[in-house]
């Protein structure tokens, strides 16, 4: 009886064998199962007191933090970005470990985004002001606006990029990072595309910052059926809706304060966007 049942786990790891013995204690004797599976009874009873290894316990703890960052990203962060957030939060783990935990728990970024390395070439073309201050479209996913601001912390600046749907004025995409680069704005746009999944072309308006003129940003726009539009240089009224949002953001969140660290700032910004502003 139990020899046939145990044959399948003979070559598996010791802990799997211990679990098999635990689950069949009511059917067979522990001594007999340990003998067949070539295990020591003392080892089995020691395992019963602590069935998980120190690494498994640590993985379970990390998983909770990984899930929190994954949810906060709108399901768009892969292991490299989750690992970056974990390191900034003070965790000391490798990106391979994060990838393994995410893979095992089926936490996969819904839309892949890989950094493209472009050698040489001219900077991205600056787009025309296609929006032309048409701030009241008749349907959602017609026109989005994007902009960047910063928050002060004692660890340094935390930059925040947002994407707002002009129809509902809802923040449909956002990202936060210590670097104000093209990846910051691409991640915000990535979240918007994942959440809204537009079927038609969408106009995306921004200022003429270098992040919005990068080759990677424009390539991402083209790949996802998005049309770039940019404010005239030095004219903030061309992106008035984004400016208005950040005015509210600064009044409600920042209020001339400096956060102890970026992690605390991220939590408050997340709560402002998803718990206060969007609802």
C-alpha atoms as a PDB file:
ATOM      1  CA  UNK A   1       0.000   0.000   0.000  1.00  0.00           C
ATOM      2  CA  UNK A   2       2.205   2.825   1.281  1.00  0.00           C
ATOM      3  CA  UNK A   3       5.228   1.588  -0.758  1.00  0.00           C
ATOM      4  CA  UNK A   4       3.270   2.227  -3.943  1.00  0.00           C
ATOM      5  CA  UNK A   5       2.146   5.657  -2.701  1.00  0.00           C
ATOM      6  CA  UNK A   6       5.628   6.623  -1.585  1.00  0.00           C
ATOM      7  CA  UNK A   7       7.411   5.585  -4.772  1.00  0.00           C
ATOM      8  CA  UNK A   8       6.521   8.845  -6.518  1.00  0.00           C
ATOM      9  CA  UNK A   9       8.211  10.958  -3.870  1.00  0.00           C
ATOM     10  CA  UNK A  10      11.314   8.829  -3.270  1.00  0.00           C
ATOM     11  CA  UNK A  11      13.515  11.093  -5.386  1.00  0.00           C
ATOM     12  CA  UNK A  12      12.013  14.400  -4.298  1.00  0.00           C
ATOM     13  CA  UNK A  13      13.427  16.820  -1.797  1.00  0.00           C
ATOM     14  CA  UNK A  14      13.458  15.807   1.855  1.00  0.00           C
ATOM     15  CA  UNK A  15      10.776  18.305   2.871  1.00  0.00           C
ATOM     16  CA  UNK A  16       8.367  16.912   0.301  1.00  0.00           C
ATOM     17  CA  UNK A  17       8.935  13.454   1.788  1.00  0.00           C
ATOM     18  CA  UNK A  18       8.326  14.809   5.280  1.00  0.00           C
ATOM     19  CA  UNK A  19       5.053  16.352   4.088  1.00  0.00           C
ATOM     20  CA  UNK A  20       4.039  12.987   2.595  1.00  0.00           C
ATOM     21  CA  UNK A  21       4.653  11.257   5.937  1.00  0.00           C
ATOM     22  CA  UNK A  22       2.688  13.941   7.816  1.00  0.00           C
ATOM     23  CA  UNK A  23      -0.287  13.571   5.476  1.00  0.00           C
ATOM     24  CA  UNK A  24      -0.361   9.751   5.820  1.00  0.00           C
ATOM     25  CA  UNK A  25       0.243   9.299   9.547  1.00  0.00           C
ATOM     26  CA  UNK A  26      -3.316   8.032  10.045  1.00  0.00           C
ATOM     27  CA  UNK A  27      -2.820   5.283   7.460  1.00  0.00           C
ATOM     28  CA  UNK A  28       0.723   4.042   8.026  1.00  0.00           C
ATOM     29  CA  UNK A  29       3.294   4.069  10.793  1.00  0.00           C
ATOM     30  CA  UNK A  30       5.895   6.822  10.798  1.00  0.00           C
ATOM     31  CA  UNK A  31       8.689   4.269  11.345  1.00  0.00           C
ATOM     32  CA  UNK A  32       7.725   2.237   8.288  1.00  0.00           C
ATOM     33  CA  UNK A  33       7.383   5.296   6.036  1.00  0.00           C
ATOM     34  CA  UNK A  34      10.730   6.692   7.218  1.00  0.00           C
ATOM     35  CA  UNK A  35      12.359   3.347   6.474  1.00  0.00           C
ATOM     36  CA  UNK A  36      10.934   3.168   2.936  1.00  0.00           C
ATOM     37  CA  UNK A  37      11.753   6.794   2.188  1.00  0.00           C
ATOM     38  CA  UNK A  38      15.221   6.457   3.769  1.00  0.00           C
ATOM     39  CA  UNK A  39      14.707   9.161   6.365  1.00  0.00           C
ATOM     40  CA  UNK A  40      15.463   9.502  10.066  1.00  0.00           C
ATOM     41  CA  UNK A  41      12.471   9.724  12.397  1.00  0.00           C
ATOM     42  CA  UNK A  42      14.232  12.387  14.473  1.00  0.00           C
ATOM     43  CA  UNK A  43      14.569  14.544  11.368  1.00  0.00           C
ATOM     44  CA  UNK A  44      10.866  14.152  10.611  1.00  0.00           C
ATOM     45  CA  UNK A  45       9.786  15.155  14.120  1.00  0.00           C
ATOM     46  CA  UNK A  46      12.153  18.133  14.057  1.00  0.00           C
ATOM     47  CA  UNK A  47      10.580  19.182  10.749  1.00  0.00           C
ATOM     48  CA  UNK A  48       7.087  18.925  12.244  1.00  0.00           C
ATOM     49  CA  UNK A  49       8.004  21.641  14.744  1.00  0.00           C
ATOM     50  CA  UNK A  50       9.219  23.916  11.909  1.00  0.00           C
ATOM     51  CA  UNK A  51       7.904  22.670   8.540  1.00  0.00           C
ATOM     52  CA  UNK A  52       9.172  25.683   6.559  1.00  0.00           C
ATOM     53  CA  UNK A  53      12.832  26.452   6.008  1.00  0.00           C
ATOM     54  CA  UNK A  54      14.217  29.861   6.953  1.00  0.00           C
ATOM     55  CA  UNK A  55      14.383  30.697   3.243  1.00  0.00           C
ATOM     56  CA  UNK A  56      10.750  29.688   2.662  1.00  0.00           C
ATOM     57  CA  UNK A  57       9.666  31.868   5.591  1.00  0.00           C
ATOM     58  CA  UNK A  58      11.676  34.777   4.193  1.00  0.00           C
ATOM     59  CA  UNK A  59      10.192  34.203   0.712  1.00  0.00           C
ATOM     60  CA  UNK A  60       6.685  34.361   2.198  1.00  0.00           C
ATOM     61  CA  UNK A  61       7.540  37.663   3.897  1.00  0.00           C
ATOM     62  CA  UNK A  62       9.011  39.077   0.666  1.00  0.00           C
ATOM     63  CA  UNK A  63       5.957  37.921  -1.278  1.00  0.00           C
ATOM     64  CA  UNK A  64       3.721  40.226   0.768  1.00  0.00           C
ATOM     65  CA  UNK A  65       5.876  43.243  -0.123  1.00  0.00           C
ATOM     66  CA  UNK A  66       6.176  42.147  -3.756  1.00  0.00           C
ATOM     67  CA  UNK A  67       2.377  41.858  -4.040  1.00  0.00           C
ATOM     68  CA  UNK A  68       1.952  45.343  -2.535  1.00  0.00           C
ATOM     69  CA  UNK A  69       4.322  46.918  -5.081  1.00  0.00           C
ATOM     70  CA  UNK A  70       2.800  44.856  -7.913  1.00  0.00           C
ATOM     71  CA  UNK A  71      -0.740  46.020  -7.062  1.00  0.00           C
ATOM     72  CA  UNK A  72       0.443  49.613  -6.614  1.00  0.00           C
ATOM     73  CA  UNK A  73       1.889  49.516 -10.141  1.00  0.00           C
ATOM     74  CA  UNK A  74      -1.467  48.467 -11.577  1.00  0.00           C
ATOM     75  CA  UNK A  75      -0.013  45.079 -12.491  1.00  0.00           C
ATOM     76  CA  UNK A  76       2.501  46.614 -14.896  1.00  0.00           C
ATOM     77  CA  UNK A  77       5.771  46.103 -12.992  1.00  0.00           C
ATOM     78  CA  UNK A  78       7.977  43.119 -13.788  1.00  0.00           C
ATOM     79  CA  UNK A  79      10.672  41.735 -11.480  1.00  0.00           C
ATOM     80  CA  UNK A  80      13.354  44.376 -12.322  1.00  0.00           C
ATOM     81  CA  UNK A  81      11.108  47.286 -11.276  1.00  0.00           C
ATOM     82  CA  UNK A  82       9.708  45.414  -8.248  1.00  0.00           C
ATOM     83  CA  UNK A  83      13.285  44.614  -7.210  1.00  0.00           C
ATOM     84  CA  UNK A  84      14.186  48.298  -7.540  1.00  0.00           C
ATOM     85  CA  UNK A  85      11.282  49.268  -5.255  1.00  0.00           C
ATOM     86  CA  UNK A  86      12.259  46.583  -2.728  1.00  0.00           C
ATOM     87  CA  UNK A  87      15.854  47.811  -2.617  1.00  0.00           C
ATOM     88  CA  UNK A  88      14.673  51.385  -2.086  1.00  0.00           C
ATOM     89  CA  UNK A  89      12.461  50.091   0.751  1.00  0.00           C
ATOM     90  CA  UNK A  90      15.540  48.615   2.431  1.00  0.00           C
ATOM     91  CA  UNK A  91      15.272  44.970   1.358  1.00  0.00           C
ATOM     92  CA  UNK A  92      18.455  43.076   0.500  1.00  0.00           C
ATOM     93  CA  UNK A  93      17.545  40.480  -2.107  1.00  0.00           C
ATOM     94  CA  UNK A  94      18.591  39.691  -5.658  1.00  0.00           C
ATOM     95  CA  UNK A  95      16.497  40.395  -8.738  1.00  0.00           C
ATOM     96  CA  UNK A  96      16.671  36.654  -9.539  1.00  0.00           C
ATOM     97  CA  UNK A  97      15.017  35.824  -6.220  1.00  0.00           C
ATOM     98  CA  UNK A  98      12.261  38.373  -6.873  1.00  0.00           C
ATOM     99  CA  UNK A  99      11.727  36.929 -10.367  1.00  0.00           C
ATOM    100  CA  UNK A 100      11.516  33.398  -8.951  1.00  0.00           C
ATOM    101  CA  UNK A 101       8.977  34.376  -6.276  1.00  0.00           C
ATOM    102  CA  UNK A 102       6.859  36.272  -8.813  1.00  0.00           C
ATOM    103  CA  UNK A 103       7.023  33.412 -11.305  1.00  0.00           C
ATOM    104  CA  UNK A 104       6.054  30.810  -8.682  1.00  0.00           C
ATOM    105  CA  UNK A 105       3.103  32.960  -7.545  1.00  0.00           C
ATOM    106  CA  UNK A 106       2.074  33.841 -11.114  1.00  0.00           C
ATOM    107  CA  UNK A 107       2.641  37.591 -10.763  1.00  0.00           C
ATOM    108  CA  UNK A 108       3.358  38.639 -14.325  1.00  0.00           C
ATOM    109  CA  UNK A 109       3.393  42.136 -15.805  1.00  0.00           C
ATOM    110  CA  UNK A 110       0.407  42.315 -18.136  1.00  0.00           C
ATOM    111  CA  UNK A 111       2.250  44.294 -20.807  1.00  0.00           C
ATOM    112  CA  UNK A 112       5.942  43.771 -21.305  1.00  0.00           C
ATOM    113  CA  UNK A 113       8.271  46.733 -21.543  1.00  0.00           C
ATOM    114  CA  UNK A 114      11.994  46.324 -22.096  1.00  0.00           C
ATOM    115  CA  UNK A 115      14.527  49.099 -22.199  1.00  0.00           C
ATOM    116  CA  UNK A 116      15.743  49.616 -25.713  1.00  0.00           C
ATOM    117  CA  UNK A 117      19.377  50.573 -26.166  1.00  0.00           C
ATOM    118  CA  UNK A 118      19.807  52.950 -29.100  1.00  0.00           C
ATOM    119  CA  UNK A 119      23.261  53.961 -30.204  1.00  0.00           C
ATOM    120  CA  UNK A 120      23.742  57.405 -31.639  1.00  0.00           C
ATOM    121  CA  UNK A 121      21.004  58.875 -33.785  1.00  0.00           C
ATOM    122  CA  UNK A 122      19.139  62.159 -33.449  1.00  0.00           C
ATOM    123  CA  UNK A 123      16.880  62.958 -30.480  1.00  0.00           C
ATOM    124  CA  UNK A 124      13.178  62.238 -30.861  1.00  0.00           C
ATOM    125  CA  UNK A 125      11.163  64.597 -33.024  1.00  0.00           C
ATOM    126  CA  UNK A 126       9.218  67.229 -31.107  1.00  0.00           C
ATOM    127  CA  UNK A 127       5.503  66.837 -31.902  1.00  0.00           C
ATOM    128  CA  UNK A 128       3.104  69.627 -32.867  1.00  0.00           C
ATOM    129  CA  UNK A 129       0.405  70.888 -30.513  1.00  0.00           C
ATOM    130  CA  UNK A 130      -2.318  68.640 -31.923  1.00  0.00           C
ATOM    131  CA  UNK A 131      -4.522  69.039 -28.829  1.00  0.00           C
ATOM    132  CA  UNK A 132      -4.855  72.839 -29.332  1.00  0.00           C
ATOM    133  CA  UNK A 133      -6.439  73.264 -25.871  1.00  0.00           C
ATOM    134  CA  UNK A 134      -9.406  71.027 -26.710  1.00  0.00           C
ATOM    135  CA  UNK A 135      -9.867  69.992 -23.082  1.00  0.00           C
ATOM    136  CA  UNK A 136     -13.398  68.533 -23.292  1.00  0.00           C
ATOM    137  CA  UNK A 137     -13.500  65.466 -25.573  1.00  0.00           C
ATOM    138  CA  UNK A 138     -16.866  63.742 -26.059  1.00  0.00           C
ATOM    139  CA  UNK A 139     -15.685  60.235 -25.154  1.00  0.00           C
ATOM    140  CA  UNK A 140     -13.135  58.506 -22.900  1.00  0.00           C
ATOM    141  CA  UNK A 141      -9.787  57.330 -24.295  1.00  0.00           C
ATOM    142  CA  UNK A 142      -9.786  60.101 -26.890  1.00  0.00           C
ATOM    143  CA  UNK A 143      -7.289  62.528 -25.344  1.00  0.00           C
ATOM    144  CA  UNK A 144      -4.876  62.007 -22.449  1.00  0.00           C
ATOM    145  CA  UNK A 145      -2.487  64.518 -20.915  1.00  0.00           C
ATOM    146  CA  UNK A 146       0.772  63.691 -19.152  1.00  0.00           C
ATOM    147  CA  UNK A 147       3.077  65.659 -16.891  1.00  0.00           C
ATOM    148  CA  UNK A 148       5.754  65.301 -14.189  1.00  0.00           C
ATOM    149  CA  UNK A 149       6.190  66.847 -10.761  1.00  0.00           C
ATOM    150  CA  UNK A 150       8.429  66.115  -7.785  1.00  0.00           C
ATOM    151  CA  UNK A 151       8.124  65.520  -4.048  1.00  0.00           C
ATOM    152  CA  UNK A 152      10.866  66.315  -1.547  1.00  0.00           C
ATOM    153  CA  UNK A 153      12.103  63.614   0.865  1.00  0.00           C
ATOM    154  CA  UNK A 154      15.142  63.383   3.107  1.00  0.00           C
ATOM    155  CA  UNK A 155      16.405  60.658   0.732  1.00  0.00           C
ATOM    156  CA  UNK A 156      16.212  63.065  -2.192  1.00  0.00           C
ATOM    157  CA  UNK A 157      13.547  63.915  -4.768  1.00  0.00           C
ATOM    158  CA  UNK A 158      10.749  61.519  -5.720  1.00  0.00           C
ATOM    159  CA  UNK A 159       9.440  62.231  -9.219  1.00  0.00           C
ATOM    160  CA  UNK A 160       5.797  61.556 -10.106  1.00  0.00           C
ATOM    161  CA  UNK A 161       4.462  61.162 -13.667  1.00  0.00           C
ATOM    162  CA  UNK A 162       0.737  61.021 -14.368  1.00  0.00           C
ATOM    163  CA  UNK A 163      -1.555  60.368 -17.331  1.00  0.00           C
ATOM    164  CA  UNK A 164      -5.038  61.939 -17.122  1.00  0.00           C
ATOM    165  CA  UNK A 165      -8.030  61.168 -19.346  1.00  0.00           C
ATOM    166  CA  UNK A 166      -9.486  64.533 -20.364  1.00  0.00           C
ATOM    167  CA  UNK A 167     -13.020  63.110 -20.628  1.00  0.00           C
ATOM    168  CA  UNK A 168     -13.324  62.045 -16.976  1.00  0.00           C
ATOM    169  CA  UNK A 169     -10.274  63.912 -15.557  1.00  0.00           C
ATOM    170  CA  UNK A 170      -9.359  60.584 -13.958  1.00  0.00           C
ATOM    171  CA  UNK A 171      -5.697  59.615 -13.440  1.00  0.00           C
ATOM    172  CA  UNK A 172      -5.499  56.500 -15.628  1.00  0.00           C
ATOM    173  CA  UNK A 173      -1.751  55.967 -15.301  1.00  0.00           C
ATOM    174  CA  UNK A 174       1.006  57.016 -12.931  1.00  0.00           C
ATOM    175  CA  UNK A 175       4.523  56.107 -11.857  1.00  0.00           C
ATOM    176  CA  UNK A 176       7.025  57.192  -9.212  1.00  0.00           C
ATOM    177  CA  UNK A 177      10.822  57.001  -9.203  1.00  0.00           C
ATOM    178  CA  UNK A 178      13.925  58.742  -7.888  1.00  0.00           C
ATOM    179  CA  UNK A 179      15.013  59.407 -11.492  1.00  0.00           C
ATOM    180  CA  UNK A 180      13.206  61.804 -13.824  1.00  0.00           C
ATOM    181  CA  UNK A 181      13.909  59.992 -17.079  1.00  0.00           C
ATOM    182  CA  UNK A 182      12.101  58.499 -20.076  1.00  0.00           C
ATOM    183  CA  UNK A 183      11.316  55.291 -18.160  1.00  0.00           C
ATOM    184  CA  UNK A 184       9.295  57.298 -15.623  1.00  0.00           C
ATOM    185  CA  UNK A 185       6.884  58.625 -18.272  1.00  0.00           C
ATOM    186  CA  UNK A 186       6.798  55.347 -20.229  1.00  0.00           C
ATOM    187  CA  UNK A 187       5.765  53.438 -17.091  1.00  0.00           C
ATOM    188  CA  UNK A 188       2.918  55.899 -16.438  1.00  0.00           C
ATOM    189  CA  UNK A 189       1.758  55.509 -20.044  1.00  0.00           C
ATOM    190  CA  UNK A 190       2.140  51.728 -19.800  1.00  0.00           C
ATOM    191  CA  UNK A 191      -0.216  51.667 -16.824  1.00  0.00           C
ATOM    192  CA  UNK A 192      -2.771  53.790 -18.706  1.00  0.00           C
ATOM    193  CA  UNK A 193      -2.654  51.484 -21.743  1.00  0.00           C
ATOM    194  CA  UNK A 194      -3.020  48.392 -19.554  1.00  0.00           C
ATOM    195  CA  UNK A 195      -5.927  49.803 -17.530  1.00  0.00           C
ATOM    196  CA  UNK A 196      -7.854  51.357 -20.420  1.00  0.00           C
ATOM    197  CA  UNK A 197      -6.907  49.089 -23.368  1.00  0.00           C
ATOM    198  CA  UNK A 198      -8.074  51.676 -25.942  1.00  0.00           C
ATOM    199  CA  UNK A 199      -9.396  50.291 -29.227  1.00  0.00           C
ATOM    200  CA  UNK A 200      -8.913  53.502 -31.224  1.00  0.00           C
ATOM    201  CA  UNK A 201      -6.027  55.949 -31.466  1.00  0.00           C
ATOM    202  CA  UNK A 202      -5.485  58.162 -28.415  1.00  0.00           C
ATOM    203  CA  UNK A 203      -3.961  61.644 -28.452  1.00  0.00           C
ATOM    204  CA  UNK A 204      -1.382  61.992 -25.648  1.00  0.00           C
ATOM    205  CA  UNK A 205      -0.438  65.595 -24.851  1.00  0.00           C
ATOM    206  CA  UNK A 206       2.615  66.669 -22.832  1.00  0.00           C
ATOM    207  CA  UNK A 207       5.158  69.458 -22.556  1.00  0.00           C
ATOM    208  CA  UNK A 208       8.412  69.437 -24.534  1.00  0.00           C
ATOM    209  CA  UNK A 209      10.498  67.785 -21.810  1.00  0.00           C
ATOM    210  CA  UNK A 210      13.315  65.561 -23.039  1.00  0.00           C
ATOM    211  CA  UNK A 211      11.587  62.509 -21.516  1.00  0.00           C
ATOM    212  CA  UNK A 212       8.646  62.968 -23.894  1.00  0.00           C
ATOM    213  CA  UNK A 213      10.908  63.512 -26.895  1.00  0.00           C
ATOM    214  CA  UNK A 214      13.069  60.424 -26.394  1.00  0.00           C
ATOM    215  CA  UNK A 215      13.263  57.744 -29.065  1.00  0.00           C
ATOM    216  CA  UNK A 216      12.035  55.089 -26.610  1.00  0.00           C
ATOM    217  CA  UNK A 217       8.965  57.137 -25.648  1.00  0.00           C
ATOM    218  CA  UNK A 218       7.998  57.858 -29.249  1.00  0.00           C
ATOM    219  CA  UNK A 219       8.566  54.205 -30.205  1.00  0.00           C
ATOM    220  CA  UNK A 220       6.289  53.107 -27.344  1.00  0.00           C
ATOM    221  CA  UNK A 221       3.631  55.590 -28.531  1.00  0.00           C
ATOM    222  CA  UNK A 222       3.760  54.247 -32.071  1.00  0.00           C
ATOM    223  CA  UNK A 223       3.602  50.626 -30.942  1.00  0.00           C
ATOM    224  CA  UNK A 224       0.451  51.247 -28.863  1.00  0.00           C
ATOM    225  CA  UNK A 225      -1.460  53.397 -31.360  1.00  0.00           C
ATOM    226  CA  UNK A 226      -0.912  56.666 -29.466  1.00  0.00           C
ATOM    227  CA  UNK A 227      -0.473  60.082 -31.112  1.00  0.00           C
ATOM    228  CA  UNK A 228       1.982  62.539 -29.512  1.00  0.00           C
ATOM    229  CA  UNK A 229       1.051  66.183 -28.995  1.00  0.00           C
ATOM    230  CA  UNK A 230       3.219  68.788 -27.259  1.00  0.00           C
ATOM    231  CA  UNK A 231       2.708  72.226 -25.743  1.00  0.00           C
ATOM    232  CA  UNK A 232       4.421  75.179 -27.330  1.00  0.00           C
ATOM    233  CA  UNK A 233       7.657  75.909 -25.538  1.00  0.00           C
ATOM    234  CA  UNK A 234       7.142  78.043 -22.439  1.00  0.00           C
ATOM    235  CA  UNK A 235       3.322  77.985 -22.663  1.00  0.00           C
ATOM    236  CA  UNK A 236       1.927  76.216 -19.587  1.00  0.00           C
ATOM    237  CA  UNK A 237      -1.714  76.926 -20.559  1.00  0.00           C
ATOM    238  CA  UNK A 238      -1.452  74.358 -23.367  1.00  0.00           C
ATOM    239  CA  UNK A 239      -1.380  71.647 -20.660  1.00  0.00           C
ATOM    240  CA  UNK A 240      -3.736  73.375 -18.208  1.00  0.00           C
ATOM    241  CA  UNK A 241      -5.532  70.220 -17.001  1.00  0.00           C
ATOM    242  CA  UNK A 242      -2.316  68.521 -15.893  1.00  0.00           C
ATOM    243  CA  UNK A 243      -1.208  71.785 -14.260  1.00  0.00           C
ATOM    244  CA  UNK A 244      -4.546  71.979 -12.434  1.00  0.00           C
ATOM    245  CA  UNK A 245      -4.235  68.411 -11.154  1.00  0.00           C
ATOM    246  CA  UNK A 246      -0.755  69.039  -9.775  1.00  0.00           C
ATOM    247  CA  UNK A 247      -1.959  72.239  -8.107  1.00  0.00           C
ATOM    248  CA  UNK A 248      -4.552  70.152  -6.237  1.00  0.00           C
ATOM    249  CA  UNK A 249      -1.946  67.472  -5.592  1.00  0.00           C
ATOM    250  CA  UNK A 250       0.486  69.965  -4.046  1.00  0.00           C
ATOM    251  CA  UNK A 251      -2.247  71.552  -1.930  1.00  0.00           C
ATOM    252  CA  UNK A 252      -3.566  68.224  -0.592  1.00  0.00           C
ATOM    253  CA  UNK A 253      -0.383  66.146  -0.367  1.00  0.00           C
ATOM    254  CA  UNK A 254       2.840  68.136  -0.296  1.00  0.00           C
ATOM    255  CA  UNK A 255       1.874  71.287   1.666  1.00  0.00           C
ATOM    256  CA  UNK A 256       5.539  72.389   1.871  1.00  0.00           C
ATOM    257  CA  UNK A 257       6.444  69.198   3.720  1.00  0.00           C
ATOM    258  CA  UNK A 258       9.493  66.955   3.354  1.00  0.00           C
ATOM    259  CA  UNK A 259       8.854  63.215   3.714  1.00  0.00           C
ATOM    260  CA  UNK A 260      11.199  61.063   5.831  1.00  0.00           C
ATOM    261  CA  UNK A 261      11.780  58.724   2.858  1.00  0.00           C
ATOM    262  CA  UNK A 262      10.532  57.958  -0.655  1.00  0.00           C
ATOM    263  CA  UNK A 263       8.555  54.931   0.505  1.00  0.00           C
ATOM    264  CA  UNK A 264       6.408  57.016   2.848  1.00  0.00           C
ATOM    265  CA  UNK A 265       5.864  59.586   0.100  1.00  0.00           C
ATOM    266  CA  UNK A 266       4.817  56.838  -2.346  1.00  0.00           C
ATOM    267  CA  UNK A 267       2.217  55.525   0.102  1.00  0.00           C
ATOM    268  CA  UNK A 268       0.631  58.952   0.606  1.00  0.00           C
ATOM    269  CA  UNK A 269       0.656  59.729  -3.127  1.00  0.00           C
ATOM    270  CA  UNK A 270      -0.960  56.359  -3.902  1.00  0.00           C
ATOM    271  CA  UNK A 271      -3.679  57.052  -1.320  1.00  0.00           C
ATOM    272  CA  UNK A 272      -4.290  60.531  -2.738  1.00  0.00           C
ATOM    273  CA  UNK A 273      -4.674  59.304  -6.329  1.00  0.00           C
ATOM    274  CA  UNK A 274      -6.616  56.074  -5.774  1.00  0.00           C
ATOM    275  CA  UNK A 275      -8.504  56.786  -2.538  1.00  0.00           C
ATOM    276  CA  UNK A 276      -9.244  60.510  -2.862  1.00  0.00           C
ATOM    277  CA  UNK A 277      -8.821  62.011  -6.340  1.00  0.00           C
ATOM    278  CA  UNK A 278     -10.036  59.226  -8.653  1.00  0.00           C
ATOM    279  CA  UNK A 279     -13.139  58.239  -6.663  1.00  0.00           C
END
